[in-house]
Amino acid sequence: MARESGSGSLGTLVAGAVIGAAGLAWWLLSEAERRQQRSRQERNLRLSRLSGTEEEAVELHSGGLRSGLESGQESQLQDKVQQLNQAIEDVRRQLEGLTPQN
């Protein structure tokens, strides 16, 4: 009987350790995700301040991260991409004009 109770205690101890480790892992992952989300929000806040749109900065900081990003910053990003593509095309044309034709 003493042997059975000892193995039962050991099983309970192992199960508790496994559950505790799983809980700790879950907590660490959630904390890492929170920190990552917080740093994204802060980065977006800084970017919106740099672009000069203070209203978007307040919206991003107050929790409207998704709606502000999807509407305002997405269109700004598309505009920037178009500008970059245009600049690349202009440089390509200039380089073509500089190369000697055989």
PDB file of N, CA and C in Angstrom:
ATOM      1  N   MET A   1       0.804  -1.208   0.000  1.00  0.00           N
ATOM      2  CA  MET A   1       0.000   0.000   0.000  1.00  0.00           C
ATOM      3  C   MET A   1       0.845   1.270   0.000  1.00  0.00           C
ATOM      4  N   ALA A   2       1.931   1.259   0.755  1.00  0.00           N
ATOM      5  CA  ALA A   2       2.780   2.448   0.817  1.00  0.00           C
ATOM      6  C   ALA A   2       3.393   2.726  -0.535  1.00  0.00           C
ATOM      7  N   ARG A   3       3.702   1.654  -1.256  1.00  0.00           N
ATOM      8  CA  ARG A   3       4.302   1.828  -2.582  1.00  0.00           C
ATOM      9  C   ARG A   3       3.308   2.455  -3.554  1.00  0.00           C
ATOM     10  N   GLU A   4       2.041   2.054  -3.501  1.00  0.00           N
ATOM     11  CA  GLU A   4       1.014   2.616  -4.378  1.00  0.00           C
ATOM     12  C   GLU A   4       0.782   4.087  -4.076  1.00  0.00           C
ATOM     13  N   SER A   5       0.779   4.452  -2.826  1.00  0.00           N
ATOM     14  CA  SER A   5       0.555   5.857  -2.480  1.00  0.00           C
ATOM     15  C   SER A   5       1.749   6.702  -2.889  1.00  0.00           C
ATOM     16  N   GLY A   6       2.957   6.137  -2.838  1.00  0.00           N
ATOM     17  CA  GLY A   6       4.151   6.860  -3.273  1.00  0.00           C
ATOM     18  C   GLY A   6       4.133   7.105  -4.765  1.00  0.00           C
ATOM     19  N   SER A   7       3.724   6.117  -5.545  1.00  0.00           N
ATOM     20  CA  SER A   7       3.674   6.311  -6.987  1.00  0.00           C
ATOM     21  C   SER A   7       2.536   7.247  -7.372  1.00  0.00           C
ATOM     22  N   GLY A   8       1.456   7.232  -6.608  1.00  0.00           N
ATOM     23  CA  GLY A   8       0.359   8.172  -6.844  1.00  0.00           C
ATOM     24  C   GLY A   8       0.791   9.596  -6.568  1.00  0.00           C
ATOM     25  N   SER A   9       1.569   9.784  -5.524  1.00  0.00           N
ATOM     26  CA  SER A   9       2.078  11.115  -5.197  1.00  0.00           C
ATOM     27  C   SER A   9       3.053  11.597  -6.258  1.00  0.00           C
ATOM     28  N   LEU A  10       3.869  10.674  -6.744  1.00  0.00           N
ATOM     29  CA  LEU A  10       4.822  11.031  -7.787  1.00  0.00           C
ATOM     30  C   LEU A  10       4.083  11.424  -9.068  1.00  0.00           C
ATOM     31  N   GLY A  11       3.032  10.672  -9.402  1.00  0.00           N
ATOM     32  CA  GLY A  11       2.230  11.000 -10.583  1.00  0.00           C
ATOM     33  C   GLY A  11       1.572  12.356 -10.443  1.00  0.00           C
ATOM     34  N   THR A  12       1.058  12.648  -9.269  1.00  0.00           N
ATOM     35  CA  THR A  12       0.432  13.941  -9.012  1.00  0.00           C
ATOM     36  C   THR A  12       1.464  15.062  -9.108  1.00  0.00           C
ATOM     37  N   LEU A  13       2.659  14.811  -8.587  1.00  0.00           N
ATOM     38  CA  LEU A  13       3.724  15.802  -8.635  1.00  0.00           C
ATOM     39  C   LEU A  13       4.136  16.080 -10.087  1.00  0.00           C
ATOM     40  N   VAL A  14       4.281  15.025 -10.872  1.00  0.00           N
ATOM     41  CA  VAL A  14       4.653  15.184 -12.280  1.00  0.00           C
ATOM     42  C   VAL A  14       3.549  15.918 -13.041  1.00  0.00           C
ATOM     43  N   ALA A  15       2.295  15.536 -12.800  1.00  0.00           N
ATOM     44  CA  ALA A  15       1.180  16.205 -13.479  1.00  0.00           C
ATOM     45  C   ALA A  15       1.135  17.690 -13.112  1.00  0.00           C
ATOM     46  N   GLY A  16       1.360  17.998 -11.848  1.00  0.00           N
ATOM     47  CA  GLY A  16       1.384  19.394 -11.419  1.00  0.00           C
ATOM     48  C   GLY A  16       2.514  20.167 -12.073  1.00  0.00           C
ATOM     49  N   ALA A  17       3.684  19.532 -12.203  1.00  0.00           N
ATOM     50  CA  ALA A  17       4.822  20.193 -12.844  1.00  0.00           C
ATOM     51  C   ALA A  17       4.536  20.457 -14.322  1.00  0.00           C
ATOM     52  N   VAL A  18       3.905  19.481 -14.991  1.00  0.00           N
ATOM     53  CA  VAL A  18       3.573  19.653 -16.407  1.00  0.00           C
ATOM     54  C   VAL A  18       2.553  20.773 -16.577  1.00  0.00           C
ATOM     55  N   ILE A  19       1.533  20.793 -15.755  1.00  0.00           N
ATOM     56  CA  ILE A  19       0.513  21.846 -15.835  1.00  0.00           C
ATOM     57  C   ILE A  19       1.132  23.206 -15.525  1.00  0.00           C
ATOM     58  N   GLY A  20       1.996  23.247 -14.519  1.00  0.00           N
ATOM     59  CA  GLY A  20       2.669  24.499 -14.182  1.00  0.00           C
ATOM     60  C   GLY A  20       3.551  24.993 -15.311  1.00  0.00           C
ATOM     61  N   ALA A  21       4.290  24.079 -15.953  1.00  0.00           N
ATOM     62  CA  ALA A  21       5.147  24.463 -17.071  1.00  0.00           C
ATOM     63  C   ALA A  21       4.321  24.967 -18.249  1.00  0.00           C
ATOM     64  N   ALA A  22       3.187  24.311 -18.513  1.00  0.00           N
ATOM     65  CA  ALA A  22       2.313  24.755 -19.598  1.00  0.00           C
ATOM     66  C   ALA A  22       1.746  26.146 -19.295  1.00  0.00           C
ATOM     67  N   GLY A  23       1.360  26.363 -18.057  1.00  0.00           N
ATOM     68  CA  GLY A  23       0.845  27.672 -17.664  1.00  0.00           C
ATOM     69  C   GLY A  23       1.893  28.758 -17.793  1.00  0.00           C
ATOM     70  N   LEU A  24       3.113  28.437 -17.379  1.00  0.00           N
ATOM     71  CA  LEU A  24       4.207  29.398 -17.489  1.00  0.00           C
ATOM     72  C   LEU A  24       4.503  29.710 -18.958  1.00  0.00           C
ATOM     73  N   ALA A  25       4.533  28.683 -19.786  1.00  0.00           N
ATOM     74  CA  ALA A  25       4.783  28.889 -21.219  1.00  0.00           C
ATOM     75  C   ALA A  25       3.697  29.759 -21.836  1.00  0.00           C
ATOM     76  N   TRP A  26       2.441  29.501 -21.499  1.00  0.00           N
ATOM     77  CA  TRP A  26       1.337  30.300 -22.025  1.00  0.00           C
ATOM     78  C   TRP A  26       1.474  31.750 -21.587  1.00  0.00           C
ATOM     79  N   TRP A  27       1.812  31.975 -20.308  1.00  0.00           N
ATOM     80  CA  TRP A  27       1.966  33.327 -19.797  1.00  0.00           C
ATOM     81  C   TRP A  27       3.111  34.054 -20.498  1.00  0.00           C
ATOM     82  N   LEU A  28       4.243  33.360 -20.687  1.00  0.00           N
ATOM     83  CA  LEU A  28       5.388  33.982 -21.354  1.00  0.00           C
ATOM     84  C   LEU A  28       5.043  34.359 -22.791  1.00  0.00           C
ATOM     85  N   LEU A  29       4.331  33.485 -23.491  1.00  0.00           N
ATOM     86  CA  LEU A  29       3.932  33.795 -24.861  1.00  0.00           C
ATOM     87  C   LEU A  29       2.978  34.976 -24.918  1.00  0.00           C
ATOM     88  N   SER A  30       2.028  35.019 -23.994  1.00  0.00           N
ATOM     89  CA  SER A  30       1.080  36.141 -24.013  1.00  0.00           C
ATOM     90  C   SER A  30       1.775  37.457 -23.673  1.00  0.00           C
ATOM     91  N   GLU A  31       2.740  37.412 -22.762  1.00  0.00           N
ATOM     92  CA  GLU A  31       3.493  38.630 -22.439  1.00  0.00           C
ATOM     93  C   GLU A  31       4.328  39.094 -23.634  1.00  0.00           C
ATOM     94  N   ALA A  32       4.950  38.150 -24.327  1.00  0.00           N
ATOM     95  CA  ALA A  32       5.737  38.509 -25.508  1.00  0.00           C
ATOM     96  C   ALA A  32       4.839  39.115 -26.575  1.00  0.00           C
ATOM     97  N   GLU A  33       3.649  38.557 -26.747  1.00  0.00           N
ATOM     98  CA  GLU A  33       2.705  39.093 -27.735  1.00  0.00           C
ATOM     99  C   GLU A  33       2.255  40.488 -27.346  1.00  0.00           C
ATOM    100  N   ARG A  34       1.995  40.704 -26.049  1.00  0.00           N
ATOM    101  CA  ARG A  34       1.603  42.037 -25.578  1.00  0.00           C
ATOM    102  C   ARG A  34       2.698  43.056 -25.831  1.00  0.00           C
ATOM    103  N   ARG A  35       3.942  42.669 -25.523  1.00  0.00           N
ATOM    104  CA  ARG A  35       5.057  43.592 -25.757  1.00  0.00           C
ATOM    105  C   ARG A  35       5.204  43.915 -27.237  1.00  0.00           C
ATOM    106  N   GLN A  36       5.050  42.899 -28.065  1.00  0.00           N
ATOM    107  CA  GLN A  36       5.169  43.108 -29.515  1.00  0.00           C
ATOM    108  C   GLN A  36       4.061  44.040 -30.010  1.00  0.00           C
ATOM    109  N   GLN A  37       2.851  43.838 -29.524  1.00  0.00           N
ATOM    110  CA  GLN A  37       1.739  44.696 -29.931  1.00  0.00           C
ATOM    111  C   GLN A  37       1.968  46.128 -29.438  1.00  0.00           C
ATOM    112  N   ARG A  38       2.457  46.273 -28.215  1.00  0.00           N
ATOM    113  CA  ARG A  38       2.725  47.596 -27.669  1.00  0.00           C
ATOM    114  C   ARG A  38       3.802  48.303 -28.481  1.00  0.00           C
ATOM    115  N   SER A  39       4.853  47.567 -28.865  1.00  0.00           N
ATOM    116  CA  SER A  39       5.910  48.212 -29.655  1.00  0.00           C
ATOM    117  C   SER A  39       5.407  48.587 -31.042  1.00  0.00           C
ATOM    118  N   ARG A  40       4.514  47.765 -31.619  1.00  0.00           N
ATOM    119  CA  ARG A  40       3.915  48.122 -32.919  1.00  0.00           C
ATOM    120  C   ARG A  40       3.090  49.399 -32.803  1.00  0.00           C
ATOM    121  N   GLN A  41       2.307  49.485 -31.721  1.00  0.00           N
ATOM    122  CA  GLN A  41       1.478  50.674 -31.528  1.00  0.00           C
ATOM    123  C   GLN A  41       2.353  51.910 -31.355  1.00  0.00           C
ATOM    124  N   GLU A  42       3.415  51.782 -30.565  1.00  0.00           N
ATOM    125  CA  GLU A  42       4.307  52.924 -30.359  1.00  0.00           C
ATOM    126  C   GLU A  42       5.004  53.315 -31.656  1.00  0.00           C
ATOM    127  N   ARG A  43       5.426  52.322 -32.449  1.00  0.00           N
ATOM    128  CA  ARG A  43       6.076  52.610 -33.723  1.00  0.00           C
ATOM    129  C   ARG A  43       5.106  53.320 -34.665  1.00  0.00           C
ATOM    130  N   ASN A  44       3.872  52.840 -34.721  1.00  0.00           N
ATOM    131  CA  ASN A  44       2.870  53.479 -35.582  1.00  0.00           C
ATOM    132  C   ASN A  44       2.553  54.882 -35.097  1.00  0.00           C
ATOM    133  N   LEU A  45       2.564  55.072 -33.799  1.00  0.00           N
ATOM    134  CA  LEU A  45       2.336  56.399 -33.249  1.00  0.00           C
ATOM    135  C   LEU A  45       3.454  57.345 -33.666  1.00  0.00           C
ATOM    136  N   ARG A  46       4.699  56.873 -33.572  1.00  0.00           N
ATOM    137  CA  ARG A  46       5.830  57.711 -33.991  1.00  0.00           C
ATOM    138  C   ARG A  46       5.760  58.001 -35.486  1.00  0.00           C
ATOM    139  N   LEU A  47       5.432  56.986 -36.290  1.00  0.00           N
ATOM    140  CA  LEU A  47       5.349  57.191 -37.735  1.00  0.00           C
ATOM    141  C   LEU A  47       4.263  58.192 -38.100  1.00  0.00           C
ATOM    142  N   SER A  48       3.122  58.093 -37.437  1.00  0.00           N
ATOM    143  CA  SER A  48       2.045  59.017 -37.758  1.00  0.00           C
ATOM    144  C   SER A  48       2.391  60.437 -37.311  1.00  0.00           C
ATOM    145  N   ARG A  49       3.148  60.549 -36.235  1.00  0.00           N
ATOM    146  CA  ARG A  49       3.586  61.885 -35.815  1.00  0.00           C
ATOM    147  C   ARG A  49       4.579  62.451 -36.813  1.00  0.00           C
ATOM    148  N   LEU A  50       5.448  61.601 -37.339  1.00  0.00           N
ATOM    149  CA  LEU A  50       6.415  62.063 -38.327  1.00  0.00           C
ATOM    150  C   LEU A  50       5.735  62.512 -39.613  1.00  0.00           C
ATOM    151  N   SER A  51       4.642  61.820 -39.958  1.00  0.00           N
ATOM    152  CA  SER A  51       3.949  62.195 -41.189  1.00  0.00           C
ATOM    153  C   SER A  51       3.095  63.444 -40.989  1.00  0.00           C
ATOM    154  N   GLY A  52       2.964  63.900 -39.760  1.00  0.00           N
ATOM    155  CA  GLY A  52       2.277  65.152 -39.494  1.00  0.00           C
ATOM    156  C   GLY A  52       0.786  65.035 -39.274  1.00  0.00           C
ATOM    157  N   THR A  53       0.284  63.855 -39.135  1.00  0.00           N
ATOM    158  CA  THR A  53      -1.153  63.683 -38.901  1.00  0.00           C
ATOM    159  C   THR A  53      -1.368  63.365 -37.431  1.00  0.00           C
ATOM    160  N   GLU A  54      -1.532  64.378 -36.652  1.00  0.00           N
ATOM    161  CA  GLU A  54      -1.698  64.252 -35.210  1.00  0.00           C
ATOM    162  C   GLU A  54      -2.997  63.523 -34.856  1.00  0.00           C
ATOM    163  N   GLU A  55      -4.050  63.708 -35.653  1.00  0.00           N
ATOM    164  CA  GLU A  55      -5.314  63.019 -35.364  1.00  0.00           C
ATOM    165  C   GLU A  55      -5.147  61.514 -35.472  1.00  0.00           C
ATOM    166  N   GLU A  56      -4.403  61.062 -36.473  1.00  0.00           N
ATOM    167  CA  GLU A  56      -4.144  59.634 -36.603  1.00  0.00           C
ATOM    168  C   GLU A  56      -3.302  59.142 -35.445  1.00  0.00           C
ATOM    169  N   ALA A  57      -2.381  59.965 -34.977  1.00  0.00           N
ATOM    170  CA  ALA A  57      -1.545  59.574 -33.856  1.00  0.00           C
ATOM    171  C   ALA A  57      -2.392  59.335 -32.617  1.00  0.00           C
ATOM    172  N   VAL A  58      -3.334  60.221 -32.359  1.00  0.00           N
ATOM    173  CA  VAL A  58      -4.212  60.052 -31.202  1.00  0.00           C
ATOM    174  C   VAL A  58      -5.085  58.820 -31.381  1.00  0.00           C
ATOM    175  N   GLU A  59      -5.583  58.616 -32.580  1.00  0.00           N
ATOM    176  CA  GLU A  59      -6.440  57.456 -32.852  1.00  0.00           C
ATOM    177  C   GLU A  59      -5.674  56.161 -32.670  1.00  0.00           C
ATOM    178  N   LEU A  60      -4.438  56.109 -33.159  1.00  0.00           N
ATOM    179  CA  LEU A  60      -3.625  54.909 -33.009  1.00  0.00           C
ATOM    180  C   LEU A  60      -3.313  54.653 -31.550  1.00  0.00           C
ATOM    181  N   HIS A  61      -3.004  55.705 -30.809  1.00  0.00           N
ATOM    182  CA  HIS A  61      -2.629  55.537 -29.411  1.00  0.00           C
ATOM    183  C   HIS A  61      -3.830  55.143 -28.556  1.00  0.00           C
ATOM    184  N   SER A  62      -5.013  55.594 -28.903  1.00  0.00           N
ATOM    185  CA  SER A  62      -6.181  55.312 -28.073  1.00  0.00           C
ATOM    186  C   SER A  62      -6.806  53.966 -28.365  1.00  0.00           C
ATOM    187  N   GLY A  63      -6.226  53.175 -29.240  1.00  0.00           N
ATOM    188  CA  GLY A  63      -6.731  51.831 -29.469  1.00  0.00           C
ATOM    189  C   GLY A  63      -7.365  51.631 -30.816  1.00  0.00           C
ATOM    190  N   GLY A  64      -7.458  52.654 -31.625  1.00  0.00           N
ATOM    191  CA  GLY A  64      -8.043  52.501 -32.949  1.00  0.00           C
ATOM    192  C   GLY A  64      -6.981  52.096 -33.946  1.00  0.00           C
ATOM    193  N   LEU A  65      -6.098  51.220 -33.556  1.00  0.00           N
ATOM    194  CA  LEU A  65      -4.955  50.841 -34.374  1.00  0.00           C
ATOM    195  C   LEU A  65      -5.383  50.253 -35.696  1.00  0.00           C
ATOM    196  N   ARG A  66      -6.293  49.304 -35.686  1.00  0.00           N
ATOM    197  CA  ARG A  66      -6.664  48.608 -36.915  1.00  0.00           C
ATOM    198  C   ARG A  66      -7.415  49.528 -37.874  1.00  0.00           C
ATOM    199  N   SER A  67      -8.399  50.263 -37.368  1.00  0.00           N
ATOM    200  CA  SER A  67      -9.190  51.102 -38.269  1.00  0.00           C
ATOM    201  C   SER A  67      -8.352  52.238 -38.843  1.00  0.00           C
ATOM    202  N   GLY A  68      -7.510  52.863 -38.020  1.00  0.00           N
ATOM    203  CA  GLY A  68      -6.663  53.931 -38.501  1.00  0.00           C
ATOM    204  C   GLY A  68      -5.633  53.440 -39.493  1.00  0.00           C
ATOM    205  N   LEU A  69      -5.079  52.284 -39.236  1.00  0.00           N
ATOM    206  CA  LEU A  69      -4.074  51.728 -40.124  1.00  0.00           C
ATOM    207  C   LEU A  69      -4.685  51.314 -41.434  1.00  0.00           C
ATOM    208  N   GLU A  70      -5.842  50.674 -41.364  1.00  0.00           N
ATOM    209  CA  GLU A  70      -6.459  50.163 -42.576  1.00  0.00           C
ATOM    210  C   GLU A  70      -6.915  51.285 -43.498  1.00  0.00           C
ATOM    211  N   SER A  71      -7.414  52.372 -42.931  1.00  0.00           N
ATOM    212  CA  SER A  71      -7.944  53.426 -43.783  1.00  0.00           C
ATOM    213  C   SER A  71      -6.867  54.445 -44.169  1.00  0.00           C
ATOM    214  N   GLY A  72      -6.369  55.178 -43.219  1.00  0.00           N
ATOM    215  CA  GLY A  72      -5.467  56.280 -43.517  1.00  0.00           C
ATOM    216  C   GLY A  72      -4.084  55.847 -43.927  1.00  0.00           C
ATOM    217  N   GLN A  73      -3.479  54.996 -43.149  1.00  0.00           N
ATOM    218  CA  GLN A  73      -2.092  54.641 -43.432  1.00  0.00           C
ATOM    219  C   GLN A  73      -1.964  53.710 -44.626  1.00  0.00           C
ATOM    220  N   GLU A  74      -2.978  52.917 -44.879  1.00  0.00           N
ATOM    221  CA  GLU A  74      -2.917  52.042 -46.052  1.00  0.00           C
ATOM    222  C   GLU A  74      -2.920  52.874 -47.334  1.00  0.00           C
ATOM    223  N   SER A  75      -3.758  53.894 -47.373  1.00  0.00           N
ATOM    224  CA  SER A  75      -3.777  54.750 -48.560  1.00  0.00           C
ATOM    225  C   SER A  75      -2.478  55.548 -48.673  1.00  0.00           C
ATOM    226  N   GLN A  76      -1.933  55.977 -47.537  1.00  0.00           N
ATOM    227  CA  GLN A  76      -0.645  56.671 -47.563  1.00  0.00           C
ATOM    228  C   GLN A  76       0.450  55.745 -48.065  1.00  0.00           C
ATOM    229  N   LEU A  77       0.403  54.501 -47.628  1.00  0.00           N
ATOM    230  CA  LEU A  77       1.389  53.530 -48.062  1.00  0.00           C
ATOM    231  C   LEU A  77       1.292  53.290 -49.563  1.00  0.00           C
ATOM    232  N   GLN A  78       0.075  53.189 -50.068  1.00  0.00           N
ATOM    233  CA  GLN A  78      -0.110  53.009 -51.504  1.00  0.00           C
ATOM    234  C   GLN A  78       0.415  54.209 -52.282  1.00  0.00           C
ATOM    235  N   ASP A  79       0.180  55.404 -51.764  1.00  0.00           N
ATOM    236  CA  ASP A  79       0.698  56.610 -52.411  1.00  0.00           C
ATOM    237  C   ASP A  79       2.221  56.601 -52.442  1.00  0.00           C
ATOM    238  N   LYS A  80       2.837  56.227 -51.323  1.00  0.00           N
ATOM    239  CA  LYS A  80       4.297  56.175 -51.253  1.00  0.00           C
ATOM    240  C   LYS A  80       4.847  55.143 -52.238  1.00  0.00           C
ATOM    241  N   VAL A  81       4.190  53.989 -52.330  1.00  0.00           N
ATOM    242  CA  VAL A  81       4.634  52.952 -53.262  1.00  0.00           C
ATOM    243  C   VAL A  81       4.550  53.457 -54.694  1.00  0.00           C
ATOM    244  N   GLN A  82       3.467  54.160 -55.031  1.00  0.00           N
ATOM    245  CA  GLN A  82       3.338  54.713 -56.377  1.00  0.00           C
ATOM    246  C   GLN A  82       4.422  55.744 -56.653  1.00  0.00           C
ATOM    247  N   GLN A  83       4.720  56.573 -55.668  1.00  0.00           N
ATOM    248  CA  GLN A  83       5.770  57.572 -55.840  1.00  0.00           C
ATOM    249  C   GLN A  83       7.128  56.910 -56.056  1.00  0.00           C
ATOM    250  N   LEU A  84       7.393  55.864 -55.272  1.00  0.00           N
ATOM    251  CA  LEU A  84       8.656  55.144 -55.427  1.00  0.00           C
ATOM    252  C   LEU A  84       8.748  54.471 -56.789  1.00  0.00           C
ATOM    253  N   ASN A  85       7.661  53.855 -57.212  1.00  0.00           N
ATOM    254  CA  ASN A  85       7.660  53.227 -58.538  1.00  0.00           C
ATOM    255  C   ASN A  85       7.897  54.247 -59.638  1.00  0.00           C
ATOM    256  N   GLN A  86       7.309  55.416 -59.517  1.00  0.00           N
ATOM    257  CA  GLN A  86       7.516  56.482 -60.496  1.00  0.00           C
ATOM    258  C   GLN A  86       8.963  56.939 -60.500  1.00  0.00           C
ATOM    259  N   ALA A  87       9.547  57.093 -59.307  1.00  0.00           N
ATOM    260  CA  ALA A  87      10.943  57.513 -59.217  1.00  0.00           C
ATOM    261  C   ALA A  87      11.860  56.460 -59.818  1.00  0.00           C
ATOM    262  N   ILE A  88      11.571  55.198 -59.581  1.00  0.00           N
ATOM    263  CA  ILE A  88      12.364  54.112 -60.165  1.00  0.00           C
ATOM    264  C   ILE A  88      12.279  54.148 -61.679  1.00  0.00           C
ATOM    265  N   GLU A  89      11.084  54.360 -62.188  1.00  0.00           N
ATOM    266  CA  GLU A  89      10.887  54.435 -63.640  1.00  0.00           C
ATOM    267  C   GLU A  89      11.656  55.620 -64.236  1.00  0.00           C
ATOM    268  N   ASP A  90      11.641  56.773 -63.559  1.00  0.00           N
ATOM    269  CA  ASP A  90      12.380  57.944 -64.032  1.00  0.00           C
ATOM    270  C   ASP A  90      13.882  57.670 -64.078  1.00  0.00           C
ATOM    271  N   VAL A  91      14.398  57.036 -63.039  1.00  0.00           N
ATOM    272  CA  VAL A  91      15.826  56.719 -62.995  1.00  0.00           C
ATOM    273  C   VAL A  91      16.175  55.728 -64.096  1.00  0.00           C
ATOM    274  N   ARG A  92      15.303  54.748 -64.331  1.00  0.00           N
ATOM    275  CA  ARG A  92      15.544  53.774 -65.390  1.00  0.00           C
ATOM    276  C   ARG A  92      15.631  54.471 -66.752  1.00  0.00           C
ATOM    277  N   ARG A  93      14.707  55.401 -67.000  1.00  0.00           N
ATOM    278  CA  ARG A  93      14.727  56.145 -68.265  1.00  0.00           C
ATOM    279  C   ARG A  93      16.015  56.956 -68.404  1.00  0.00           C
ATOM    280  N   GLN A  94      16.422  57.596 -67.314  1.00  0.00           N
ATOM    281  CA  GLN A  94      17.659  58.381 -67.356  1.00  0.00           C
ATOM    282  C   GLN A  94      18.869  57.496 -67.643  1.00  0.00           C
ATOM    283  N   LEU A  95      18.914  56.333 -67.023  1.00  0.00           N
ATOM    284  CA  LEU A  95      20.027  55.415 -67.269  1.00  0.00           C
ATOM    285  C   LEU A  95      20.019  54.909 -68.687  1.00  0.00           C
ATOM    286  N   GLU A  96      18.848  54.649 -69.227  1.00  0.00           N
ATOM    287  CA  GLU A  96      18.764  54.212 -70.618  1.00  0.00           C
ATOM    288  C   GLU A  96      19.254  55.312 -71.550  1.00  0.00           C
ATOM    289  N   GLY A  97      18.971  56.549 -71.203  1.00  0.00           N
ATOM    290  CA  GLY A  97      19.428  57.671 -72.022  1.00  0.00           C
ATOM    291  C   GLY A  97      20.933  57.874 -71.951  1.00  0.00           C
ATOM    292  N   LEU A  98      21.573  57.468 -70.859  1.00  0.00           N
ATOM    293  CA  LEU A  98      23.004  57.640 -70.699  1.00  0.00           C
ATOM    294  C   LEU A  98      23.808  56.539 -71.370  1.00  0.00           C
ATOM    295  N   THR A  99      23.234  55.363 -71.550  1.00  0.00           N
ATOM    296  CA  THR A  99      24.003  54.263 -72.125  1.00  0.00           C
ATOM    297  C   THR A  99      24.157  54.467 -73.626  1.00  0.00           C
ATOM    298  N   PRO A 100      25.374  54.247 -74.128  1.00  0.00           N
ATOM    299  CA  PRO A 100      25.583  54.405 -75.582  1.00  0.00           C
ATOM    300  C   PRO A 100      24.908  53.287 -76.335  1.00  0.00           C
ATOM    301  N   GLN A 101      24.295  53.639 -77.456  1.00  0.00           N
ATOM    302  CA  GLN A 101      23.613  52.665 -78.296  1.00  0.00           C
ATOM    303  C   GLN A 101      24.596  52.103 -79.312  1.00  0.00           C
ATOM    304  N   ASN A 102      24.636  50.787 -79.477  1.00  0.00           N
ATOM    305  CA  ASN A 102      25.527  50.149 -80.459  1.00  0.00           C
ATOM    306  C   ASN A 102      24.889  50.039 -81.791  1.00  0.00           C
TER     307      ASN A 102
END
